[in-house]
Amino acid sequence: MTVQPPASAFRTNAVVVSGLRRAYGERTVIDRLDLVIGQGEFVVLLGESGCGKTTLLRALAGLDPIQGGTVEVPGRPAVVFQEHRLLPWETLWRNVTLGLRAADARARAAAALAEVGLGDRLDDWPRNLSGGQAQRVALARALVQEPKLLLLDEPFAALDALTRLRMHGLVKDLVARHQPGVLLVTHDIDEALRLGDRVLVMRRGVIAAEHRLSSHNAAATARAELLRELGVALDGGLPSSH
């Protein structure tokens, strides 16, 4: 199953994955997977724990080796993890510009922090931030690189419900402004429906289902189908097996 955006929707691709295979010893985690994400497209990946979601994200980020296939990304992808991974001994602006080689690094950090609502905190320290604020800095650090591909590995999972909703709005705005292709890994179906242009279901190392969310009605229909595909019974009975 090859999953890709409509040909007319996006001018270029943020990533093209062909025949990807990743194994740990004798156990195959990703098995000949194909995937295309368009520039500016927001793709969400759902699936049970252990199905290969984070393994795929790490392969796209270049953090894990692959045993077969190809991953084509124009430029270096940026990653935001569940943990903000800020350096406690560096100020916020220096955390944002880690790895950025530019004479105007502080100015770029200021602009990026302003976009996430922390423009007045350049010289503050990570220890003074709430969890949501720390994740905003992590987003600023990713977007200051102007990546073609943004990879999000459950970045909102540790946040409280209200902060999570605010972060959803922020991320949607930032993606609309910067137009990276996005792959978000999550376990939260409602989060997937709120953010995604497409929602993919991964099972046993392959993409088993795809839903395009072109309208509110499409999202409402997709929710019930996603629950079934993820093995959640809607009638209160036992989950289905795959």
C-alpha atoms as a PDB file:
ATOM      1  CA  MET A   1       0.000   0.000   0.000  1.00  0.00           C
ATOM      2  CA  THR A   2       1.505   3.309  -1.124  1.00  0.00           C
ATOM      3  CA  VAL A   3       0.118   6.358   0.653  1.00  0.00           C
ATOM      4  CA  GLN A   4       0.604   9.785  -0.821  1.00  0.00           C
ATOM      5  CA  PRO A   5      -1.084  13.182  -1.105  1.00  0.00           C
ATOM      6  CA  PRO A   6      -3.335  14.030  -4.049  1.00  0.00           C
ATOM      7  CA  ALA A   7      -1.181  15.018  -7.017  1.00  0.00           C
ATOM      8  CA  SER A   8      -2.794  18.465  -7.239  1.00  0.00           C
ATOM      9  CA  ALA A   9      -2.580  19.336  -3.548  1.00  0.00           C
ATOM     10  CA  PHE A  10       1.153  19.923  -3.032  1.00  0.00           C
ATOM     11  CA  ARG A  11       3.792  21.226  -5.405  1.00  0.00           C
ATOM     12  CA  THR A  12       6.723  19.313  -3.924  1.00  0.00           C
ATOM     13  CA  ASN A  13       7.307  16.444  -1.547  1.00  0.00           C
ATOM     14  CA  ALA A  14       8.733  16.756   1.955  1.00  0.00           C
ATOM     15  CA  VAL A  15       9.667  13.062   2.065  1.00  0.00           C
ATOM     16  CA  VAL A  16       9.432  10.040  -0.220  1.00  0.00           C
ATOM     17  CA  VAL A  17       9.820   6.595   1.367  1.00  0.00           C
ATOM     18  CA  SER A  18      10.146   3.550  -0.880  1.00  0.00           C
ATOM     19  CA  GLY A  19      10.317  -0.079   0.255  1.00  0.00           C
ATOM     20  CA  LEU A  20      11.589   0.837   3.713  1.00  0.00           C
ATOM     21  CA  ARG A  21      12.661  -2.047   5.912  1.00  0.00           C
ATOM     22  CA  ARG A  22      13.911  -1.885   9.507  1.00  0.00           C
ATOM     23  CA  ALA A  23      14.665  -4.892  11.688  1.00  0.00           C
ATOM     24  CA  TYR A  24      16.078  -5.601  15.117  1.00  0.00           C
ATOM     25  CA  GLY A  25      17.837  -8.914  14.806  1.00  0.00           C
ATOM     26  CA  GLU A  26      15.308 -11.440  13.523  1.00  0.00           C
ATOM     27  CA  ARG A  27      12.324  -9.192  14.241  1.00  0.00           C
ATOM     28  CA  THR A  28      11.143  -7.049  11.335  1.00  0.00           C
ATOM     29  CA  VAL A  29       9.596  -3.822  12.602  1.00  0.00           C
ATOM     30  CA  ILE A  30       9.009  -2.042   9.271  1.00  0.00           C
ATOM     31  CA  ASP A  31       8.365  -4.197   6.223  1.00  0.00           C
ATOM     32  CA  ARG A  32       8.674  -2.671   2.716  1.00  0.00           C
ATOM     33  CA  LEU A  33       6.812   0.502   3.629  1.00  0.00           C
ATOM     34  CA  ASP A  34       6.007   3.217   1.073  1.00  0.00           C
ATOM     35  CA  LEU A  35       4.987   6.752   2.028  1.00  0.00           C
ATOM     36  CA  VAL A  36       4.910  10.212   0.460  1.00  0.00           C
ATOM     37  CA  ILE A  37       4.233  13.423   2.414  1.00  0.00           C
ATOM     38  CA  GLY A  38       3.687  16.636   0.495  1.00  0.00           C
ATOM     39  CA  GLN A  39       5.170  20.004   1.398  1.00  0.00           C
ATOM     40  CA  GLY A  40       2.745  21.714   3.787  1.00  0.00           C
ATOM     41  CA  GLU A  41       0.803  18.499   4.432  1.00  0.00           C
ATOM     42  CA  PHE A  42       0.043  17.389   8.006  1.00  0.00           C
ATOM     43  CA  VAL A  43       0.063  13.580   8.300  1.00  0.00           C
ATOM     44  CA  VAL A  44      -0.733  11.802  11.573  1.00  0.00           C
ATOM     45  CA  LEU A  45       0.342   8.234  12.321  1.00  0.00           C
ATOM     46  CA  LEU A  46      -1.684   6.061  14.705  1.00  0.00           C
ATOM     47  CA  GLY A  47      -1.144   2.490  15.820  1.00  0.00           C
ATOM     48  CA  GLU A  48      -0.749   0.197  18.788  1.00  0.00           C
ATOM     49  CA  SER A  49       2.450   0.326  20.848  1.00  0.00           C
ATOM     50  CA  GLY A  50       5.179  -1.670  19.152  1.00  0.00           C
ATOM     51  CA  CYS A  51       3.729  -1.419  15.627  1.00  0.00           C
ATOM     52  CA  GLY A  52       6.710   0.594  14.332  1.00  0.00           C
ATOM     53  CA  LYS A  53       5.503   4.218  14.526  1.00  0.00           C
ATOM     54  CA  THR A  54       8.466   5.690  16.390  1.00  0.00           C
ATOM     55  CA  THR A  55      10.862   3.413  14.508  1.00  0.00           C
ATOM     56  CA  LEU A  56       9.577   4.928  11.255  1.00  0.00           C
ATOM     57  CA  LEU A  57       9.916   8.468  12.602  1.00  0.00           C
ATOM     58  CA  ARG A  58      13.489   7.821  13.758  1.00  0.00           C
ATOM     59  CA  ALA A  59      14.358   6.347  10.369  1.00  0.00           C
ATOM     60  CA  LEU A  60      13.003   9.441   8.614  1.00  0.00           C
ATOM     61  CA  ALA A  61      15.018  11.620  10.979  1.00  0.00           C
ATOM     62  CA  GLY A  62      18.197   9.700  10.147  1.00  0.00           C
ATOM     63  CA  LEU A  63      18.571   8.612  13.779  1.00  0.00           C
ATOM     64  CA  ASP A  64      18.276   4.870  13.060  1.00  0.00           C
ATOM     65  CA  PRO A  65      19.808   2.813  10.238  1.00  0.00           C
ATOM     66  CA  ILE A  66      17.604   0.993   7.746  1.00  0.00           C
ATOM     67  CA  GLN A  67      18.074  -2.455   6.223  1.00  0.00           C
ATOM     68  CA  GLY A  68      16.387  -1.808   2.891  1.00  0.00           C
ATOM     69  CA  GLY A  69      14.610   0.760   0.761  1.00  0.00           C
ATOM     70  CA  THR A  70      15.184   4.496   0.499  1.00  0.00           C
ATOM     71  CA  VAL A  71      14.231   7.682   2.338  1.00  0.00           C
ATOM     72  CA  GLU A  72      14.445  10.898   0.313  1.00  0.00           C
ATOM     73  CA  VAL A  73      14.219  14.162   2.267  1.00  0.00           C
ATOM     74  CA  PRO A  74      15.163  17.570   0.773  1.00  0.00           C
ATOM     75  CA  GLY A  75      17.425  18.922   3.496  1.00  0.00           C
ATOM     76  CA  ARG A  76      17.714  18.056   7.137  1.00  0.00           C
ATOM     77  CA  PRO A  77      14.470  17.180   8.980  1.00  0.00           C
ATOM     78  CA  ALA A  78      13.666  18.660  12.385  1.00  0.00           C
ATOM     79  CA  VAL A  79      12.335  16.576  15.284  1.00  0.00           C
ATOM     80  CA  VAL A  80      10.314  17.454  18.388  1.00  0.00           C
ATOM     81  CA  PHE A  81      10.154  14.672  20.976  1.00  0.00           C
ATOM     82  CA  GLN A  82       7.826  14.065  23.909  1.00  0.00           C
ATOM     83  CA  GLU A  83      10.579  15.404  26.182  1.00  0.00           C
ATOM     84  CA  HIS A  84      11.631  18.948  25.313  1.00  0.00           C
ATOM     85  CA  ARG A  85      15.351  18.075  25.623  1.00  0.00           C
ATOM     86  CA  LEU A  86      16.392  21.640  26.421  1.00  0.00           C
ATOM     87  CA  LEU A  87      19.888  22.114  27.808  1.00  0.00           C
ATOM     88  CA  PRO A  88      19.442  23.449  31.363  1.00  0.00           C
ATOM     89  CA  TRP A  89      22.765  25.305  31.338  1.00  0.00           C
ATOM     90  CA  GLU A  90      21.897  27.327  28.209  1.00  0.00           C
ATOM     91  CA  THR A  91      19.532  30.285  27.866  1.00  0.00           C
ATOM     92  CA  LEU A  92      16.418  29.894  25.766  1.00  0.00           C
ATOM     93  CA  TRP A  93      17.802  31.652  22.718  1.00  0.00           C
ATOM     94  CA  ARG A  94      20.904  29.495  22.751  1.00  0.00           C
ATOM     95  CA  ASN A  95      18.739  26.369  23.067  1.00  0.00           C
ATOM     96  CA  VAL A  96      16.741  27.499  20.049  1.00  0.00           C
ATOM     97  CA  THR A  97      19.851  28.023  17.926  1.00  0.00           C
ATOM     98  CA  LEU A  98      21.639  24.764  18.756  1.00  0.00           C
ATOM     99  CA  GLY A  99      23.261  23.596  15.530  1.00  0.00           C
ATOM    100  CA  LEU A 100      22.318  26.792  13.678  1.00  0.00           C
ATOM    101  CA  ARG A 101      25.321  28.368  11.987  1.00  0.00           C
ATOM    102  CA  ALA A 102      24.310  31.928  11.266  1.00  0.00           C
ATOM    103  CA  ALA A 103      25.722  35.340  12.113  1.00  0.00           C
ATOM    104  CA  ASP A 104      22.242  36.525  13.080  1.00  0.00           C
ATOM    105  CA  ALA A 105      21.463  33.514  15.282  1.00  0.00           C
ATOM    106  CA  ARG A 106      20.154  35.574  18.212  1.00  0.00           C
ATOM    107  CA  ALA A 107      17.859  37.574  15.933  1.00  0.00           C
ATOM    108  CA  ARG A 108      16.503  34.370  14.411  1.00  0.00           C
ATOM    109  CA  ALA A 109      15.957  32.926  17.875  1.00  0.00           C
ATOM    110  CA  ALA A 110      14.102  36.076  18.884  1.00  0.00           C
ATOM    111  CA  ALA A 111      11.805  35.781  15.861  1.00  0.00           C
ATOM    112  CA  ALA A 112      11.191  32.062  16.486  1.00  0.00           C
ATOM    113  CA  LEU A 113      10.454  32.572  20.179  1.00  0.00           C
ATOM    114  CA  ALA A 114       8.115  35.447  19.333  1.00  0.00           C
ATOM    115  CA  GLU A 115       6.175  33.096  17.040  1.00  0.00           C
ATOM    116  CA  VAL A 116       5.556  30.703  19.938  1.00  0.00           C
ATOM    117  CA  GLY A 117       4.638  33.492  22.364  1.00  0.00           C
ATOM    118  CA  LEU A 118       7.933  33.667  24.270  1.00  0.00           C
ATOM    119  CA  GLY A 119       9.584  36.616  22.583  1.00  0.00           C
ATOM    120  CA  ASP A 120      10.327  38.291  25.902  1.00  0.00           C
ATOM    121  CA  ARG A 121      12.167  35.255  27.345  1.00  0.00           C
ATOM    122  CA  LEU A 122      15.351  35.100  25.234  1.00  0.00           C
ATOM    123  CA  ASP A 123      17.732  35.210  28.185  1.00  0.00           C
ATOM    124  CA  ASP A 124      15.588  33.133  30.534  1.00  0.00           C
ATOM    125  CA  TRP A 125      16.470  29.575  31.607  1.00  0.00           C
ATOM    126  CA  PRO A 126      14.661  26.271  30.974  1.00  0.00           C
ATOM    127  CA  ARG A 127      14.136  25.731  34.725  1.00  0.00           C
ATOM    128  CA  ASN A 128      11.754  28.697  34.785  1.00  0.00           C
ATOM    129  CA  LEU A 129       9.394  27.268  32.163  1.00  0.00           C
ATOM    130  CA  SER A 130       6.200  25.251  32.484  1.00  0.00           C
ATOM    131  CA  GLY A 131       5.890  22.043  30.494  1.00  0.00           C
ATOM    132  CA  GLY A 132       3.901  23.763  27.766  1.00  0.00           C
ATOM    133  CA  GLN A 133       6.378  26.626  27.537  1.00  0.00           C
ATOM    134  CA  ALA A 134       9.288  24.194  27.275  1.00  0.00           C
ATOM    135  CA  GLN A 135       7.565  22.438  24.363  1.00  0.00           C
ATOM    136  CA  ARG A 136       7.037  25.826  22.707  1.00  0.00           C
ATOM    137  CA  VAL A 137      10.800  26.389  22.870  1.00  0.00           C
ATOM    138  CA  ALA A 138      11.344  22.928  21.389  1.00  0.00           C
ATOM    139  CA  LEU A 139       9.040  23.876  18.499  1.00  0.00           C
ATOM    140  CA  ALA A 140      10.894  27.149  18.008  1.00  0.00           C
ATOM    141  CA  ARG A 141      14.181  25.218  17.915  1.00  0.00           C
ATOM    142  CA  ALA A 142      12.787  22.948  15.195  1.00  0.00           C
ATOM    143  CA  LEU A 143      11.259  25.678  13.047  1.00  0.00           C
ATOM    144  CA  VAL A 144      14.210  28.103  13.218  1.00  0.00           C
ATOM    145  CA  GLN A 145      15.988  25.633  10.911  1.00  0.00           C
ATOM    146  CA  GLU A 146      13.227  26.119   8.285  1.00  0.00           C
ATOM    147  CA  PRO A 147      12.955  22.353   7.707  1.00  0.00           C
ATOM    148  CA  LYS A 148      11.131  20.838   4.753  1.00  0.00           C
ATOM    149  CA  LEU A 149      10.083  17.955   7.027  1.00  0.00           C
ATOM    150  CA  LEU A 150       8.964  18.316  10.660  1.00  0.00           C
ATOM    151  CA  LEU A 151       8.731  15.123  12.739  1.00  0.00           C
ATOM    152  CA  LEU A 152       6.673  15.181  15.951  1.00  0.00           C
ATOM    153  CA  ASP A 153       6.980  12.199  18.316  1.00  0.00           C
ATOM    154  CA  GLU A 154       4.062  12.535  20.777  1.00  0.00           C
ATOM    155  CA  PRO A 155       5.151  16.074  21.742  1.00  0.00           C
ATOM    156  CA  PHE A 156       1.913  16.839  23.630  1.00  0.00           C
ATOM    157  CA  ALA A 157       1.480  13.572  25.547  1.00  0.00           C
ATOM    158  CA  ALA A 158       2.806  14.885  28.879  1.00  0.00           C
ATOM    159  CA  LEU A 159       0.775  18.117  28.829  1.00  0.00           C
ATOM    160  CA  ASP A 160      -2.506  18.754  30.616  1.00  0.00           C
ATOM    161  CA  ALA A 161      -5.664  18.819  28.495  1.00  0.00           C
ATOM    162  CA  LEU A 162      -6.028  22.605  28.200  1.00  0.00           C
ATOM    163  CA  THR A 163      -2.342  23.156  27.428  1.00  0.00           C
ATOM    164  CA  ARG A 164      -2.528  20.392  24.827  1.00  0.00           C
ATOM    165  CA  LEU A 165      -5.408  22.138  23.052  1.00  0.00           C
ATOM    166  CA  ARG A 166      -3.502  25.422  23.025  1.00  0.00           C
ATOM    167  CA  MET A 167      -0.464  23.640  21.587  1.00  0.00           C
ATOM    168  CA  HIS A 168      -2.618  22.110  18.858  1.00  0.00           C
ATOM    169  CA  GLY A 169      -3.688  25.565  17.746  1.00  0.00           C
ATOM    170  CA  LEU A 170      -0.130  26.860  17.878  1.00  0.00           C
ATOM    171  CA  VAL A 171       1.245  23.973  15.825  1.00  0.00           C
ATOM    172  CA  LYS A 172      -1.456  24.320  13.175  1.00  0.00           C
ATOM    173  CA  ASP A 173      -0.691  28.031  12.849  1.00  0.00           C
ATOM    174  CA  LEU A 174       3.068  27.445  12.642  1.00  0.00           C
ATOM    175  CA  VAL A 175       2.713  24.722  10.022  1.00  0.00           C
ATOM    176  CA  ALA A 176       0.397  26.920   7.940  1.00  0.00           C
ATOM    177  CA  ARG A 177       2.965  29.727   8.130  1.00  0.00           C
ATOM    178  CA  HIS A 178       6.154  27.732   7.468  1.00  0.00           C
ATOM    179  CA  GLN A 179       4.701  24.962   5.257  1.00  0.00           C
ATOM    180  CA  PRO A 180       6.861  21.994   6.262  1.00  0.00           C
ATOM    181  CA  GLY A 181       5.572  18.521   5.602  1.00  0.00           C
ATOM    182  CA  VAL A 182       4.654  17.051   9.000  1.00  0.00           C
ATOM    183  CA  LEU A 183       4.531  13.537  10.412  1.00  0.00           C
ATOM    184  CA  LEU A 184       2.998  13.385  13.894  1.00  0.00           C
ATOM    185  CA  VAL A 185       3.128  10.137  15.873  1.00  0.00           C
ATOM    186  CA  THR A 186       0.410   9.911  18.512  1.00  0.00           C
ATOM    187  CA  HIS A 187      -1.934   7.529  20.335  1.00  0.00           C
ATOM    188  CA  ASP A 188      -4.684  10.164  20.573  1.00  0.00           C
ATOM    189  CA  ILE A 189      -7.394   9.748  17.908  1.00  0.00           C
ATOM    190  CA  ASP A 190      -9.026  13.112  18.663  1.00  0.00           C
ATOM    191  CA  GLU A 191      -5.643  14.814  18.352  1.00  0.00           C
ATOM    192  CA  ALA A 192      -5.134  13.084  15.010  1.00  0.00           C
ATOM    193  CA  LEU A 193      -8.511  14.238  13.716  1.00  0.00           C
ATOM    194  CA  ARG A 194      -7.985  17.781  14.983  1.00  0.00           C
ATOM    195  CA  LEU A 195      -4.580  18.244  13.336  1.00  0.00           C
ATOM    196  CA  GLY A 196      -4.239  15.944  10.367  1.00  0.00           C
ATOM    197  CA  ASP A 197      -4.886  16.369   6.656  1.00  0.00           C
ATOM    198  CA  ARG A 198      -4.451  12.607   6.501  1.00  0.00           C
ATOM    199  CA  VAL A 199      -4.501   9.993   9.257  1.00  0.00           C
ATOM    200  CA  LEU A 200      -2.635   6.727   8.724  1.00  0.00           C
ATOM    201  CA  VAL A 201      -2.962   3.554  10.757  1.00  0.00           C
ATOM    202  CA  MET A 202       0.182   1.454  11.110  1.00  0.00           C
ATOM    203  CA  ARG A 203      -0.037  -2.243  11.843  1.00  0.00           C
ATOM    204  CA  ARG A 204       2.733  -4.857  11.880  1.00  0.00           C
ATOM    205  CA  GLY A 205       5.228  -2.640  10.150  1.00  0.00           C
ATOM    206  CA  VAL A 206       3.067  -1.391   7.266  1.00  0.00           C
ATOM    207  CA  ILE A 207       0.478   1.317   6.646  1.00  0.00           C
ATOM    208  CA  ALA A 208      -2.769  -0.620   6.959  1.00  0.00           C
ATOM    209  CA  ALA A 209      -5.306   2.190   6.461  1.00  0.00           C
ATOM    210  CA  GLU A 210      -5.521   5.808   5.335  1.00  0.00           C
ATOM    211  CA  HIS A 211      -8.128   8.519   5.938  1.00  0.00           C
ATOM    212  CA  ARG A 212      -8.212  11.896   4.202  1.00  0.00           C
ATOM    213  CA  LEU A 213      -9.828  14.591   6.335  1.00  0.00           C
ATOM    214  CA  SER A 214     -11.107  17.107   3.835  1.00  0.00           C
ATOM    215  CA  SER A 215     -14.138  18.174   5.905  1.00  0.00           C
ATOM    216  CA  HIS A 216     -15.722  18.006   9.363  1.00  0.00           C
ATOM    217  CA  ASN A 217     -18.007  15.218   8.165  1.00  0.00           C
ATOM    218  CA  ALA A 218     -15.013  13.235   6.917  1.00  0.00           C
ATOM    219  CA  ALA A 219     -13.384  13.546  10.342  1.00  0.00           C
ATOM    220  CA  ALA A 220     -16.558  12.412  12.135  1.00  0.00           C
ATOM    221  CA  THR A 221     -16.839   9.355   9.898  1.00  0.00           C
ATOM    222  CA  ALA A 222     -13.125   8.598  10.216  1.00  0.00           C
ATOM    223  CA  ARG A 223     -13.271   8.532  14.034  1.00  0.00           C
ATOM    224  CA  ALA A 224     -15.507   5.470  14.186  1.00  0.00           C
ATOM    225  CA  GLU A 225     -13.488   3.727  11.484  1.00  0.00           C
ATOM    226  CA  LEU A 226     -10.201   4.510  13.236  1.00  0.00           C
ATOM    227  CA  LEU A 227     -11.495   3.083  16.508  1.00  0.00           C
ATOM    228  CA  ARG A 228     -12.424  -0.147  14.742  1.00  0.00           C
ATOM    229  CA  GLU A 229      -9.098  -0.302  12.911  1.00  0.00           C
ATOM    230  CA  LEU A 230      -7.249   0.150  16.202  1.00  0.00           C
ATOM    231  CA  GLY A 231      -9.215  -2.694  17.790  1.00  0.00           C
ATOM    232  CA  VAL A 232     -11.490  -0.617  20.022  1.00  0.00           C
ATOM    233  CA  ALA A 233     -15.022  -2.049  20.283  1.00  0.00           C
ATOM    234  CA  LEU A 234     -17.783   0.551  19.957  1.00  0.00           C
ATOM    235  CA  ASP A 235     -20.473  -1.628  21.561  1.00  0.00           C
ATOM    236  CA  GLY A 236     -18.685  -2.204  24.871  1.00  0.00           C
ATOM    237  CA  GLY A 237     -17.559  -5.688  23.847  1.00  0.00           C
ATOM    238  CA  LEU A 238     -14.070  -7.076  23.577  1.00  0.00           C
ATOM    239  CA  PRO A 239     -11.589  -5.400  21.246  1.00  0.00           C
ATOM    240  CA  SER A 240     -11.195  -7.010  17.852  1.00  0.00           C
ATOM    241  CA  SER A 241      -7.972  -8.747  16.923  1.00  0.00           C
ATOM    242  CA  HIS A 242      -5.860  -8.015  13.847  1.00  0.00           C
END
